[in-house]
Amino acid sequence: MSLKEKLVEISKEFPEKFKEVKENVLMLEAKIAERKVFLSKKSLIYKAKLKIDDENKIVKFFEELKEVGMGISSGDSMDISPGFGFKAEKYKVIGKEREGTIEEASKLFGKDYKYLFDYSMIRKKVEEEAQKAGYSFSITLMEKTI
């Protein structure tokens, strides 16, 4: 089994599966959480993209976690709907790697909005499989370098 096939196989345990977008370039994009209240919507999206260079035996990896919101807001510019809650992000940065979790729990118009996501888990699994296959693993900070 090639490294590409192995990465697609192990991605079955991720929020989304890797899909090949170009030759030897895999990508996954997963909506981790979504809140829809009244006239507003807020989503937390994780994206990972990697390129497998079989000739040089290297895997380049890019990831991002973004929060997207739209709709009518009132009050605080950081809050898009009335209610209460908390948001906690715990992380550490080592070189180019950021490890940690993001968690939020809030109650808006009587609806609960909760999530907990360890965004380093996917990167660690990809790195582990790359090393098992004899590839080096490199993190890139810009998606266009993939």
Protein backbone atom coordinates (compact mmCIF):
# COMPACT_ATOMS: atom_id res chain seq x y z
CA MET A 1 0.00 0.00 0.00
CA SER A 2 1.42 3.40 -0.98
CA LEU A 3 1.72 6.24 1.53
CA LYS A 4 -1.08 8.10 -0.25
CA GLU A 5 -3.40 5.09 0.04
CA LYS A 6 -2.44 4.62 3.70
CA LEU A 7 -3.19 8.28 4.52
CA VAL A 8 -6.60 8.06 2.83
CA GLU A 9 -7.25 4.84 4.77
CA ILE A 10 -6.36 6.27 8.20
CA SER A 11 -8.36 9.43 7.50
CA LYS A 12 -11.53 7.37 7.98
CA GLU A 13 -11.11 8.04 11.72
CA PHE A 14 -10.86 11.84 11.15
CA PRO A 15 -13.87 14.20 10.97
CA GLU A 16 -13.55 13.98 7.14
CA LYS A 17 -11.56 11.77 4.76
CA PHE A 18 -8.60 12.99 2.73
CA LYS A 19 -9.45 13.49 -0.94
CA GLU A 20 -6.94 13.79 -3.76
CA VAL A 21 -7.23 17.30 -5.26
CA LYS A 22 -4.17 17.05 -7.54
CA GLU A 23 -1.64 14.33 -8.21
CA ASN A 24 -0.13 13.40 -4.82
CA VAL A 25 -1.91 16.30 -3.09
CA LEU A 26 -4.48 15.34 -0.45
CA MET A 27 -6.87 17.68 1.34
CA LEU A 28 -9.55 17.47 3.97
CA GLU A 29 -11.87 20.17 5.19
CA ALA A 30 -14.15 19.49 8.12
CA LYS A 31 -16.80 21.58 9.81
CA ILE A 32 -16.01 20.98 13.48
CA ALA A 33 -18.97 22.92 14.84
CA GLU A 34 -21.79 25.08 13.58
CA ARG A 35 -24.25 27.30 15.38
CA LYS A 36 -27.36 28.69 13.72
CA VAL A 37 -29.42 31.10 15.79
CA PHE A 38 -32.08 33.50 14.58
CA LEU A 39 -30.44 35.42 11.69
CA SER A 40 -26.85 34.41 12.32
CA LYS A 41 -24.56 31.48 11.67
CA LYS A 42 -21.11 30.66 13.06
CA SER A 43 -18.86 27.77 11.92
CA LEU A 44 -15.52 26.38 13.02
CA ILE A 45 -13.66 24.82 10.07
CA TYR A 46 -10.45 22.75 10.09
CA LYS A 47 -8.49 22.32 6.85
CA ALA A 48 -5.44 20.15 6.21
CA LYS A 49 -3.56 19.84 2.93
CA LEU A 50 -0.48 17.77 2.17
CA LYS A 51 1.77 16.97 -0.75
CA ILE A 52 3.62 13.68 -1.07
CA ASP A 53 6.94 13.96 -2.94
CA ASP A 54 7.80 10.32 -3.68
CA GLU A 55 11.06 11.20 -5.46
CA ASN A 56 12.56 13.09 -2.48
CA LYS A 57 10.63 11.07 0.14
CA ILE A 58 9.10 14.11 1.85
CA VAL A 59 5.58 15.05 2.96
CA LYS A 60 4.75 18.78 3.13
CA PHE A 61 1.85 19.58 5.45
CA PHE A 62 -0.34 22.67 5.91
CA GLU A 63 -3.26 23.14 8.30
CA GLU A 64 -5.55 25.91 9.47
CA LEU A 65 -8.40 26.35 11.90
CA LYS A 66 -10.77 29.19 11.10
CA GLU A 67 -13.96 30.57 12.53
CA VAL A 68 -16.48 32.01 10.10
CA GLY A 69 -19.56 33.94 11.11
CA MET A 70 -22.28 35.81 9.30
CA GLY A 71 -25.61 37.33 10.09
CA ILE A 72 -27.16 40.10 12.12
CA SER A 73 -25.39 41.03 15.34
CA SER A 74 -26.18 43.22 18.29
CA GLY A 75 -23.99 44.36 21.13
CA ASP A 76 -20.43 43.09 21.33
CA SER A 77 -18.71 42.73 17.94
CA MET A 78 -17.26 39.38 19.06
CA ASP A 79 -20.71 37.94 19.79
CA ILE A 80 -23.15 37.30 16.96
CA SER A 81 -26.15 36.42 19.11
CA PRO A 82 -27.46 36.96 22.65
CA GLY A 83 -26.69 34.38 25.29
CA PHE A 84 -23.81 33.31 27.47
CA GLY A 85 -20.96 30.85 27.37
CA PHE A 86 -17.23 30.33 27.39
CA LYS A 87 -14.52 29.58 24.90
CA ALA A 88 -11.13 28.16 25.81
CA GLU A 89 -8.13 27.43 23.66
CA LYS A 90 -5.07 25.76 25.12
CA TYR A 91 -2.00 25.53 22.95
CA LYS A 92 1.76 25.60 22.74
CA VAL A 93 3.96 26.46 19.79
CA ILE A 94 7.14 24.52 19.05
CA GLY A 95 8.80 25.76 15.87
CA LYS A 96 6.07 25.69 13.22
CA GLU A 97 3.83 23.27 15.14
CA ARG A 98 0.93 24.43 17.24
CA GLU A 99 -0.56 21.85 19.56
CA GLY A 100 -3.63 22.03 21.68
CA THR A 101 -7.37 21.98 21.88
CA ILE A 102 -10.16 24.42 21.28
CA GLU A 103 -13.37 24.12 23.26
CA GLU A 104 -16.52 26.17 23.46
CA ALA A 105 -19.77 25.82 25.31
CA SER A 106 -22.51 28.39 25.13
CA LYS A 107 -26.25 28.65 25.44
CA LEU A 108 -28.05 30.85 22.95
CA PHE A 109 -31.82 31.18 22.72
CA GLY A 110 -32.09 27.99 24.76
CA LYS A 111 -29.86 25.97 22.42
CA ASP A 112 -26.54 24.47 23.47
CA TYR A 113 -23.46 24.96 21.31
CA LYS A 114 -20.55 22.75 22.33
CA TYR A 115 -17.43 21.36 20.75
CA LEU A 116 -13.98 20.11 21.71
CA PHE A 117 -11.38 19.52 19.01
CA ASP A 118 -7.69 18.57 19.24
CA TYR A 119 -6.34 20.12 16.07
CA SER A 120 -2.88 18.55 16.36
CA MET A 121 -4.24 14.97 16.20
CA ILE A 122 -4.48 14.84 12.39
CA ARG A 123 -0.99 16.29 11.88
CA LYS A 124 0.51 13.81 14.35
CA LYS A 125 -1.12 10.82 12.61
CA VAL A 126 0.07 11.99 9.17
CA GLU A 127 3.59 12.55 10.50
CA GLU A 128 3.61 9.09 12.11
CA GLU A 129 2.54 7.36 8.87
CA ALA A 130 5.05 9.36 6.81
CA GLN A 131 7.89 8.34 9.11
CA LYS A 132 6.80 4.69 9.08
CA ALA A 133 7.02 4.80 5.26
CA GLY A 134 10.51 6.35 5.38
CA TYR A 135 9.45 9.88 4.43
CA SER A 136 10.52 13.07 6.18
CA PHE A 137 7.76 15.40 7.36
CA SER A 138 7.77 19.16 6.87
CA ILE A 139 5.24 21.73 8.04
CA THR A 140 4.64 24.74 5.84
CA LEU A 141 2.99 27.97 6.97
CA MET A 142 1.63 28.93 3.54
CA GLU A 143 -0.90 26.80 1.69
CA LYS A 144 0.33 27.91 -1.74
CA THR A 145 3.66 26.13 -1.13
CA ILE A 146 1.83 22.79 -1.26
